[in-house]
Amino acid sequence: MYISIERNNRGALEIEVNALNKLIQNTILMRSATGLNNVNNIEVLTDLYHDNLLYVLIKIDLKNKTEMLEENQINKIVEEIIVKTLSIKPKNIAIAYKR
């Protein structure tokens, strides 16, 4: 899969957001060692601002609402894949659970 990454005349990154969201989502599903049997759906939203500030929101829909996932592991996986792909460190990675 190709991700279109360009720098505009101000030097800010311009990325195809849907491809980046899908990359993060698939990485979580494939590399997470936590019990993903409890997960119905994972939705990823990203915002990239003009100063190369990247914010990531991961929405997780759980089957059993009492069991949570290991958020530290998910944060580490997401940060690693973004640094490898874009060579920038995300400013914030937030995880939210749907009800």
N, C-alpha and C. Protein backbone atom coordinates (compact mmCIF):
# COMPACT_ATOMS: atom_id res chain seq x y z
N MET A 1 0.84 -1.16 0.00
CA MET A 1 0.00 0.00 0.00
C MET A 1 0.90 1.23 0.00
N TYR A 2 0.52 2.22 -0.78
CA TYR A 2 1.26 3.48 -0.84
C TYR A 2 0.50 4.54 -0.06
N ILE A 3 1.24 5.33 0.70
CA ILE A 3 0.66 6.46 1.41
C ILE A 3 1.26 7.71 0.80
N SER A 4 0.41 8.57 0.31
CA SER A 4 0.87 9.81 -0.31
C SER A 4 1.30 10.78 0.79
N ILE A 5 2.60 11.07 0.83
CA ILE A 5 3.16 12.01 1.81
C ILE A 5 3.91 13.09 1.05
N GLU A 6 3.50 14.32 1.23
CA GLU A 6 4.15 15.44 0.56
C GLU A 6 4.35 16.57 1.55
N ARG A 7 5.28 17.42 1.25
CA ARG A 7 5.48 18.64 2.03
C ARG A 7 5.00 19.81 1.17
N ASN A 8 4.19 20.67 1.77
CA ASN A 8 3.73 21.83 1.02
C ASN A 8 4.78 22.93 1.07
N ASN A 9 4.49 24.10 0.52
CA ASN A 9 5.49 25.17 0.44
C ASN A 9 5.88 25.73 1.81
N ARG A 10 5.10 25.47 2.87
CA ARG A 10 5.47 25.89 4.23
C ARG A 10 6.28 24.82 4.94
N GLY A 11 6.44 23.66 4.32
CA GLY A 11 7.21 22.58 4.93
C GLY A 11 6.38 21.63 5.76
N ALA A 12 5.07 21.82 5.81
CA ALA A 12 4.20 20.95 6.58
C ALA A 12 3.86 19.70 5.78
N LEU A 13 3.69 18.60 6.48
CA LEU A 13 3.34 17.34 5.82
C LEU A 13 1.89 17.34 5.38
N GLU A 14 1.64 16.76 4.24
CA GLU A 14 0.28 16.51 3.77
C GLU A 14 0.18 15.02 3.50
N ILE A 15 -0.74 14.37 4.20
CA ILE A 15 -0.84 12.91 4.15
C ILE A 15 -2.26 12.52 3.79
N GLU A 16 -2.38 11.43 3.06
CA GLU A 16 -3.69 10.86 2.79
C GLU A 16 -4.18 10.21 4.08
N VAL A 17 -5.11 10.86 4.75
CA VAL A 17 -5.51 10.49 6.11
C VAL A 17 -6.15 9.11 6.17
N ASN A 18 -6.96 8.76 5.19
CA ASN A 18 -7.63 7.45 5.22
C ASN A 18 -6.63 6.30 5.20
N ALA A 19 -5.57 6.45 4.44
CA ALA A 19 -4.55 5.40 4.39
C ALA A 19 -3.81 5.29 5.71
N LEU A 20 -3.52 6.42 6.32
CA LEU A 20 -2.84 6.41 7.63
C LEU A 20 -3.73 5.79 8.69
N ASN A 21 -5.01 6.13 8.69
CA ASN A 21 -5.95 5.56 9.65
C ASN A 21 -6.04 4.04 9.50
N LYS A 22 -6.10 3.57 8.27
CA LYS A 22 -6.20 2.13 8.00
C LYS A 22 -4.92 1.42 8.43
N LEU A 23 -3.77 2.05 8.20
CA LEU A 23 -2.49 1.48 8.60
C LEU A 23 -2.44 1.30 10.12
N ILE A 24 -2.86 2.31 10.86
CA ILE A 24 -2.86 2.22 12.33
C ILE A 24 -3.84 1.16 12.80
N GLN A 25 -5.02 1.14 12.21
CA GLN A 25 -6.04 0.16 12.60
C GLN A 25 -5.56 -1.27 12.38
N ASN A 26 -5.01 -1.55 11.22
CA ASN A 26 -4.54 -2.90 10.92
C ASN A 26 -3.35 -3.29 11.78
N THR A 27 -2.49 -2.33 12.09
CA THR A 27 -1.35 -2.62 12.94
C THR A 27 -1.81 -3.02 14.34
N ILE A 28 -2.80 -2.32 14.88
CA ILE A 28 -3.33 -2.67 16.20
C ILE A 28 -3.91 -4.07 16.18
N LEU A 29 -4.68 -4.37 15.15
CA LEU A 29 -5.34 -5.68 15.07
C LEU A 29 -4.33 -6.82 14.91
N MET A 30 -3.25 -6.59 14.18
CA MET A 30 -2.30 -7.66 13.90
C MET A 30 -1.26 -7.83 15.00
N ARG A 31 -0.80 -6.75 15.61
CA ARG A 31 0.34 -6.84 16.52
C ARG A 31 0.00 -6.81 17.99
N SER A 32 -1.24 -6.57 18.31
CA SER A 32 -1.61 -6.48 19.72
C SER A 32 -1.68 -7.89 20.31
N ALA A 33 -0.98 -8.09 21.43
CA ALA A 33 -0.97 -9.40 22.08
C ALA A 33 -2.08 -9.52 23.11
N THR A 34 -2.83 -8.45 23.32
CA THR A 34 -3.93 -8.51 24.27
C THR A 34 -5.09 -9.26 23.66
N GLY A 35 -6.03 -9.63 24.48
CA GLY A 35 -7.18 -10.40 23.99
C GLY A 35 -8.11 -9.57 23.14
N LEU A 36 -7.96 -9.63 21.83
CA LEU A 36 -8.82 -8.88 20.93
C LEU A 36 -10.11 -9.63 20.61
N ASN A 37 -10.33 -10.74 21.31
CA ASN A 37 -11.60 -11.46 21.13
C ASN A 37 -12.76 -10.63 21.66
N ASN A 38 -12.46 -9.71 22.55
CA ASN A 38 -13.47 -8.86 23.17
C ASN A 38 -13.80 -7.62 22.32
N VAL A 39 -13.12 -7.43 21.20
CA VAL A 39 -13.27 -6.22 20.39
C VAL A 39 -14.25 -6.44 19.25
N ASN A 40 -15.26 -5.58 19.16
CA ASN A 40 -16.18 -5.59 18.03
C ASN A 40 -15.60 -4.83 16.84
N ASN A 41 -15.12 -3.62 17.12
CA ASN A 41 -14.67 -2.74 16.05
C ASN A 41 -13.63 -1.77 16.59
N ILE A 42 -12.70 -1.37 15.73
CA ILE A 42 -11.73 -0.34 16.06
C ILE A 42 -11.81 0.73 14.98
N GLU A 43 -11.96 1.99 15.42
CA GLU A 43 -12.01 3.13 14.50
C GLU A 43 -10.88 4.09 14.88
N VAL A 44 -10.16 4.57 13.88
CA VAL A 44 -9.02 5.46 14.12
C VAL A 44 -9.28 6.80 13.43
N LEU A 45 -9.07 7.88 14.17
CA LEU A 45 -9.16 9.23 13.63
C LEU A 45 -7.83 9.94 13.88
N THR A 46 -7.30 10.60 12.86
CA THR A 46 -6.04 11.32 13.00
C THR A 46 -6.21 12.75 12.52
N ASP A 47 -5.50 13.65 13.17
CA ASP A 47 -5.44 15.05 12.76
C ASP A 47 -3.98 15.45 12.68
N LEU A 48 -3.57 15.99 11.54
CA LEU A 48 -2.21 16.47 11.35
C LEU A 48 -2.28 17.97 11.12
N TYR A 49 -1.68 18.72 12.03
CA TYR A 49 -1.71 20.18 11.96
C TYR A 49 -0.47 20.71 11.27
N HIS A 50 -0.48 22.00 10.95
CA HIS A 50 0.54 22.62 10.10
C HIS A 50 1.95 22.54 10.67
N ASP A 51 2.12 22.38 11.95
CA ASP A 51 3.46 22.29 12.54
C ASP A 51 3.91 20.84 12.69
N ASN A 52 3.36 19.95 11.88
CA ASN A 52 3.64 18.51 11.94
C ASN A 52 3.28 17.93 13.30
N LEU A 53 2.21 18.45 13.90
CA LEU A 53 1.67 17.91 15.14
C LEU A 53 0.61 16.88 14.78
N LEU A 54 0.80 15.67 15.22
CA LEU A 54 -0.11 14.58 14.89
C LEU A 54 -0.84 14.14 16.14
N TYR A 55 -2.16 14.12 16.05
CA TYR A 55 -3.01 13.65 17.14
C TYR A 55 -3.77 12.42 16.65
N VAL A 56 -3.82 11.38 17.48
CA VAL A 56 -4.46 10.13 17.11
C VAL A 56 -5.51 9.80 18.15
N LEU A 57 -6.72 9.47 17.69
CA LEU A 57 -7.80 9.01 18.56
C LEU A 57 -8.20 7.61 18.10
N ILE A 58 -8.17 6.67 19.02
CA ILE A 58 -8.53 5.28 18.71
C ILE A 58 -9.81 4.97 19.48
N LYS A 59 -10.89 4.68 18.75
CA LYS A 59 -12.17 4.33 19.37
C LYS A 59 -12.33 2.81 19.30
N ILE A 60 -12.52 2.21 20.46
CA ILE A 60 -12.62 0.76 20.55
C ILE A 60 -14.01 0.39 21.05
N ASP A 61 -14.69 -0.46 20.30
CA ASP A 61 -16.01 -0.95 20.69
C ASP A 61 -15.83 -2.35 21.26
N LEU A 62 -16.11 -2.53 22.53
CA LEU A 62 -15.91 -3.80 23.21
C LEU A 62 -17.22 -4.58 23.32
N LYS A 63 -17.12 -5.90 23.26
CA LYS A 63 -18.27 -6.77 23.48
C LYS A 63 -18.62 -6.79 24.96
N ASN A 64 -17.63 -7.08 25.79
CA ASN A 64 -17.81 -7.12 27.24
C ASN A 64 -17.27 -5.80 27.79
N LYS A 65 -18.16 -4.95 28.26
CA LYS A 65 -17.78 -3.58 28.67
C LYS A 65 -16.96 -3.54 29.96
N THR A 66 -16.88 -4.65 30.69
CA THR A 66 -16.15 -4.63 31.96
C THR A 66 -14.66 -4.88 31.77
N GLU A 67 -14.25 -5.50 30.67
CA GLU A 67 -12.84 -5.80 30.42
C GLU A 67 -12.23 -4.73 29.52
N MET A 68 -11.11 -4.18 29.94
CA MET A 68 -10.41 -3.17 29.15
C MET A 68 -9.15 -3.79 28.54
N LEU A 69 -8.59 -3.11 27.56
CA LEU A 69 -7.37 -3.57 26.90
C LEU A 69 -6.16 -2.89 27.53
N GLU A 70 -4.98 -3.41 27.22
CA GLU A 70 -3.74 -2.80 27.71
C GLU A 70 -3.42 -1.58 26.86
N GLU A 71 -3.73 -0.41 27.39
CA GLU A 71 -3.57 0.82 26.63
C GLU A 71 -2.11 1.18 26.40
N ASN A 72 -1.24 0.85 27.34
CA ASN A 72 0.19 1.14 27.16
C ASN A 72 0.77 0.42 25.96
N GLN A 73 0.36 -0.83 25.79
CA GLN A 73 0.85 -1.61 24.66
C GLN A 73 0.33 -1.04 23.34
N ILE A 74 -0.93 -0.65 23.31
CA ILE A 74 -1.51 -0.07 22.09
C ILE A 74 -0.81 1.24 21.75
N ASN A 75 -0.57 2.09 22.76
CA ASN A 75 0.14 3.35 22.53
C ASN A 75 1.53 3.12 21.96
N LYS A 76 2.23 2.13 22.50
CA LYS A 76 3.58 1.83 22.04
C LYS A 76 3.58 1.35 20.58
N ILE A 77 2.63 0.50 20.25
CA ILE A 77 2.52 -0.03 18.88
C ILE A 77 2.22 1.10 17.90
N VAL A 78 1.27 1.95 18.24
CA VAL A 78 0.87 3.03 17.34
C VAL A 78 2.01 4.03 17.17
N GLU A 79 2.66 4.40 18.25
CA GLU A 79 3.78 5.34 18.16
C GLU A 79 4.90 4.77 17.29
N GLU A 80 5.20 3.49 17.47
CA GLU A 80 6.26 2.86 16.69
C GLU A 80 5.96 2.87 15.19
N ILE A 81 4.73 2.54 14.80
CA ILE A 81 4.40 2.48 13.37
C ILE A 81 4.37 3.88 12.75
N ILE A 82 3.96 4.90 13.51
CA ILE A 82 3.94 6.26 12.98
C ILE A 82 5.36 6.79 12.81
N VAL A 83 6.23 6.52 13.77
CA VAL A 83 7.62 6.97 13.66
C VAL A 83 8.30 6.29 12.48
N LYS A 84 8.03 5.00 12.29
CA LYS A 84 8.64 4.29 11.15
C LYS A 84 8.11 4.80 9.81
N THR A 85 6.82 5.14 9.75
CA THR A 85 6.21 5.54 8.49
C THR A 85 6.47 7.01 8.16
N LEU A 86 6.29 7.89 9.14
CA LEU A 86 6.33 9.33 8.87
C LEU A 86 7.57 10.04 9.41
N SER A 87 8.32 9.38 10.26
CA SER A 87 9.49 9.97 10.92
C SER A 87 9.12 11.17 11.80
N ILE A 88 7.91 11.16 12.33
CA ILE A 88 7.52 12.16 13.33
C ILE A 88 6.87 11.41 14.50
N LYS A 89 7.02 11.98 15.67
CA LYS A 89 6.44 11.38 16.86
C LYS A 89 5.07 12.02 17.11
N PRO A 90 4.03 11.22 17.33
CA PRO A 90 2.71 11.80 17.57
C PRO A 90 2.69 12.61 18.86
N LYS A 91 1.97 13.72 18.83
CA LYS A 91 1.86 14.59 20.00
C LYS A 91 1.01 13.93 21.08
N ASN A 92 -0.07 13.27 20.66
CA ASN A 92 -0.98 12.64 21.61
C ASN A 92 -1.64 11.44 20.98
N ILE A 93 -1.74 10.36 21.73
CA ILE A 93 -2.47 9.16 21.32
C ILE A 93 -3.51 8.91 22.40
N ALA A 94 -4.78 9.01 22.05
CA ALA A 94 -5.86 8.83 23.01
C ALA A 94 -6.67 7.58 22.63
N ILE A 95 -7.11 6.87 23.65
CA ILE A 95 -7.93 5.68 23.45
C ILE A 95 -9.26 5.92 24.14
N ALA A 96 -10.34 5.70 23.39
CA ALA A 96 -11.68 5.87 23.93
C ALA A 96 -12.46 4.57 23.71
N TYR A 97 -13.30 4.25 24.67
CA TYR A 97 -14.13 3.05 24.57
C TYR A 97 -15.57 3.46 24.28
N LYS A 98 -16.18 2.78 23.30
CA LYS A 98 -17.58 3.06 22.93
C LYS A 98 -18.50 2.27 23.85
N ARG A 99 -19.66 2.84 24.07
CA ARG A 99 -20.70 2.14 24.84
C ARG A 99 -21.86 1.82 23.94
